[in-house]
Amino acid sequence: MSDTGDFEDVLHAVGPRLRLLRQQRGTTLAELAEETGISVSTLSRLEAGQRRPTLELLLPLARAHQVPLDELVDAPPTGDPRVQLRSFERNGAAYLPLTRRPGGLQAYKIVYPPHFPGREPTPEDQRVHEGYDWIYVLQGRLRLVLGEHDFVLEPGEVAEFDTRTPHWMGNPGDRPAEVIGLFGPQGERLHVRARPRAGT
């Protein structure tokens, strides 16, 4: 197949992908139109493959669906259940997405390098944001500073907490810490299951 044919196939797949993303979010065309400033008729034609996708249209749609732009134009066929893993780095830790559903619960494998970040956390390092986190340690050790509490989680231990509580995570060990993280919308009250650090 020619490069032109491949390009046309990619463009043809954008419409069904846009429809799937919108349906997964439970959003109507009218709601998406209000969110993006794109008319309902244009959105409908895009999803039906009757309108050629342009960067001007895809950028606001990628923002609305909370997905990278390349996922709109280069993702696997929508019937393919396999998650295409593309790792990225954030604040020195490696993140490997385990889900591709936009919005809602997100799952990641996170790898913190040894002695990350290499210094003691300060109160300014503790982040606060909307959401709810579940953390499961696969290997290594994960230090979790949660408000006034300081914990070290070992393999097999779990912590879950409301992210409106100031929090910080790091790796106090000599080997990488591998963690499964589930990040969800605002949740219920704080629950933590971990052993406190000695002396705290």
Protein backbone atom coordinates (compact mmCIF):
# COMPACT_ATOMS: atom_id res chain seq x y z
CA MET A 1 0.00 0.00 0.00
CA SER A 2 1.29 3.50 -0.80
CA ASP A 3 2.08 6.14 1.79
CA THR A 4 -0.95 8.06 0.52
CA GLY A 5 -3.16 5.02 1.10
CA ASP A 6 -1.76 4.58 4.63
CA PHE A 7 -2.44 8.25 5.37
CA GLU A 8 -6.02 7.98 4.13
CA ASP A 9 -6.55 4.89 6.29
CA VAL A 10 -5.33 6.81 9.37
CA LEU A 11 -7.72 9.69 8.62
CA HIS A 12 -10.61 7.30 8.00
CA ALA A 13 -10.07 5.71 11.45
CA VAL A 14 -10.31 9.07 13.28
CA GLY A 15 -14.11 9.30 13.09
CA PRO A 16 -14.92 5.98 14.80
CA ARG A 17 -12.27 6.73 17.42
CA LEU A 18 -13.82 10.12 18.19
CA ARG A 19 -17.26 8.53 18.53
CA LEU A 20 -15.92 5.85 20.88
CA LEU A 21 -14.16 8.41 23.09
CA ARG A 22 -17.30 10.54 23.33
CA GLN A 23 -19.48 7.52 24.14
CA GLN A 24 -17.03 6.34 26.82
CA ARG A 25 -17.34 9.75 28.47
CA GLY A 26 -21.13 9.61 28.25
CA THR A 27 -21.14 12.95 26.43
CA THR A 28 -23.70 14.03 23.81
CA LEU A 29 -22.79 15.82 20.61
CA ALA A 30 -24.47 18.95 21.94
CA GLU A 31 -22.43 18.85 25.17
CA LEU A 32 -19.21 18.28 23.22
CA ALA A 33 -20.08 21.16 20.88
CA GLU A 34 -20.51 23.49 23.85
CA GLU A 35 -17.22 22.28 25.35
CA THR A 36 -15.14 22.63 22.18
CA GLY A 37 -16.87 25.41 20.21
CA ILE A 38 -17.27 23.04 17.26
CA SER A 39 -20.78 22.82 15.81
CA VAL A 40 -22.91 19.71 16.31
CA SER A 41 -23.15 19.17 12.55
CA THR A 42 -19.36 19.30 12.15
CA LEU A 43 -18.85 16.88 15.04
CA SER A 44 -21.44 14.51 13.60
CA ARG A 45 -19.80 14.60 10.16
CA LEU A 46 -16.36 14.04 11.72
CA GLU A 47 -17.55 10.95 13.60
CA ALA A 48 -19.27 9.63 10.47
CA GLY A 49 -16.13 10.11 8.38
CA GLN A 50 -17.85 12.68 6.18
CA ARG A 51 -15.59 15.55 7.31
CA ARG A 52 -11.81 15.49 6.95
CA PRO A 53 -10.16 15.91 10.38
CA THR A 54 -7.88 18.92 10.65
CA LEU A 55 -5.52 20.05 13.38
CA GLU A 56 -7.87 22.95 14.13
CA LEU A 57 -10.65 20.45 14.92
CA LEU A 58 -8.58 17.74 16.58
CA LEU A 59 -6.76 19.92 19.13
CA PRO A 60 -9.90 21.00 21.06
CA LEU A 61 -11.27 17.45 20.81
CA ALA A 62 -8.07 15.97 22.26
CA ARG A 63 -8.31 18.45 25.15
CA ALA A 64 -11.98 17.67 25.72
CA HIS A 65 -11.40 13.89 25.70
CA GLN A 66 -8.20 14.24 27.79
CA VAL A 67 -6.09 12.19 25.38
CA PRO A 68 -2.85 12.97 23.52
CA LEU A 69 -3.35 14.20 19.97
CA ASP A 70 -1.45 11.21 18.57
CA GLU A 71 -3.97 8.87 20.20
CA LEU A 72 -6.67 10.37 17.98
CA VAL A 73 -4.74 9.82 14.77
CA ASP A 74 -2.48 6.84 15.42
CA ALA A 75 -4.22 4.59 17.96
CA PRO A 76 -4.94 0.90 17.31
CA PRO A 77 -8.36 -0.02 15.83
CA THR A 78 -11.13 0.64 18.33
CA GLY A 79 -12.00 -3.08 18.45
CA ASP A 80 -8.47 -3.95 19.63
CA PRO A 81 -8.63 -4.47 23.43
CA ARG A 82 -4.85 -4.42 23.90
CA VAL A 83 -3.51 -1.35 25.69
CA GLN A 84 -0.68 0.28 23.75
CA LEU A 85 1.85 1.13 26.45
CA ARG A 86 3.75 4.40 26.00
CA SER A 87 5.80 5.39 28.99
CA PHE A 88 6.57 8.96 29.96
CA GLU A 89 8.54 10.71 32.69
CA ARG A 90 7.05 13.03 35.29
CA ASN A 91 9.14 14.76 37.95
CA GLY A 92 11.89 12.15 37.60
CA ALA A 93 9.67 9.04 37.90
CA ALA A 94 8.72 6.79 34.97
CA TYR A 95 4.99 6.26 34.29
CA LEU A 96 3.61 3.41 32.17
CA PRO A 97 -0.14 3.76 31.43
CA LEU A 98 -2.13 0.56 31.98
CA THR A 99 -5.46 1.98 30.79
CA ARG A 100 -6.49 4.08 27.81
CA ARG A 101 -10.00 5.06 28.87
CA PRO A 102 -10.31 8.86 28.95
CA GLY A 103 -11.52 10.29 32.23
CA GLY A 104 -12.55 8.26 35.27
CA LEU A 105 -10.17 5.80 36.90
CA GLN A 106 -6.62 5.76 35.48
CA ALA A 107 -4.05 3.00 36.17
CA TYR A 108 -0.26 3.33 35.90
CA LYS A 109 2.84 1.36 36.73
CA ILE A 110 5.24 3.88 38.29
CA VAL A 111 8.97 3.32 38.77
CA TYR A 112 10.79 5.56 41.26
CA PRO A 113 14.61 5.43 40.90
CA PRO A 114 16.76 4.61 43.95
CA HIS A 115 16.95 7.36 46.60
CA PHE A 116 14.37 9.42 44.70
CA PRO A 117 14.36 12.41 44.81
CA GLY A 118 17.62 12.49 46.76
CA ARG A 119 16.58 14.88 49.52
CA GLU A 120 14.17 15.19 52.43
CA PRO A 121 10.72 16.53 51.48
CA THR A 122 9.70 19.97 52.68
CA PRO A 123 6.12 21.08 53.40
CA GLU A 124 6.20 22.87 50.04
CA ASP A 125 6.85 19.52 48.29
CA GLN A 126 3.54 18.08 49.46
CA ARG A 127 0.98 18.40 46.68
CA VAL A 128 -2.76 18.96 46.98
CA HIS A 129 -5.26 18.40 44.16
CA GLU A 130 -8.72 17.02 43.45
CA GLY A 131 -8.89 13.24 43.26
CA TYR A 132 -8.33 9.96 45.07
CA ASP A 133 -5.24 7.71 44.91
CA TRP A 134 -4.67 4.00 45.48
CA ILE A 135 -1.03 2.88 45.66
CA TYR A 136 0.18 -0.77 45.66
CA VAL A 137 3.89 -1.52 46.02
CA LEU A 138 5.15 -4.31 43.73
CA GLN A 139 8.83 -4.19 44.73
CA GLY A 140 11.21 -1.91 46.54
CA ARG A 141 10.04 0.55 49.19
CA LEU A 142 7.87 3.64 48.83
CA ARG A 143 7.89 6.48 51.33
CA LEU A 144 4.57 8.30 51.63
CA VAL A 145 4.34 11.57 53.52
CA LEU A 146 0.67 12.30 54.06
CA GLY A 147 -0.10 15.46 55.97
CA GLU A 148 1.62 15.04 59.34
CA HIS A 149 2.11 11.27 58.86
CA ASP A 150 5.19 9.56 57.43
CA PHE A 151 4.99 5.94 56.20
CA VAL A 152 7.22 3.47 54.35
CA LEU A 153 5.31 0.92 52.30
CA GLU A 154 6.87 -2.48 51.60
CA PRO A 155 6.00 -4.88 48.72
CA GLY A 156 2.38 -6.00 48.97
CA GLU A 157 1.29 -3.00 51.06
CA VAL A 158 -1.39 -0.56 49.95
CA ALA A 159 -2.24 3.05 50.70
CA GLU A 160 -5.38 4.89 49.61
CA PHE A 161 -6.06 8.54 50.27
CA ASP A 162 -7.95 11.65 49.32
CA THR A 163 -5.52 13.84 47.36
CA ARG A 164 -6.87 16.98 49.00
CA THR A 165 -4.62 15.86 51.87
CA PRO A 166 -1.07 17.23 51.30
CA HIS A 167 1.07 14.31 50.08
CA TRP A 168 4.50 13.39 48.76
CA MET A 169 6.02 10.10 47.57
CA GLY A 170 9.64 9.03 47.21
CA ASN A 171 11.95 6.03 47.22
CA PRO A 172 14.22 5.70 50.28
CA GLY A 173 15.80 2.43 49.09
CA ASP A 174 18.87 1.37 47.08
CA ARG A 175 16.80 -0.24 44.31
CA PRO A 176 13.98 1.04 42.10
CA ALA A 177 10.53 1.07 43.67
CA GLU A 178 7.82 -0.28 41.38
CA VAL A 179 4.26 0.74 42.18
CA ILE A 180 0.80 0.27 40.69
CA GLY A 181 -1.12 3.52 41.00
CA LEU A 182 -4.86 3.99 40.50
CA PHE A 183 -5.92 7.60 40.27
CA GLY A 184 -9.62 8.35 40.45
CA PRO A 185 -12.05 11.22 40.82
CA GLN A 186 -12.79 12.77 44.18
CA GLY A 187 -13.51 9.96 46.62
CA GLU A 188 -14.46 9.14 50.15
CA ARG A 189 -12.57 9.78 53.37
CA LEU A 190 -8.92 8.95 53.94
CA HIS A 191 -7.84 5.34 54.53
CA VAL A 192 -4.21 4.29 54.81
CA ARG A 193 -2.89 0.77 55.29
CA ALA A 194 0.84 0.86 55.96
CA ARG A 195 3.35 0.47 58.73
CA PRO A 196 4.59 3.78 60.21
CA ARG A 197 8.29 4.53 59.94
CA ALA A 198 10.33 3.78 63.02
CA GLY A 199 10.37 6.72 65.38
CA THR A 200 7.22 8.39 64.00
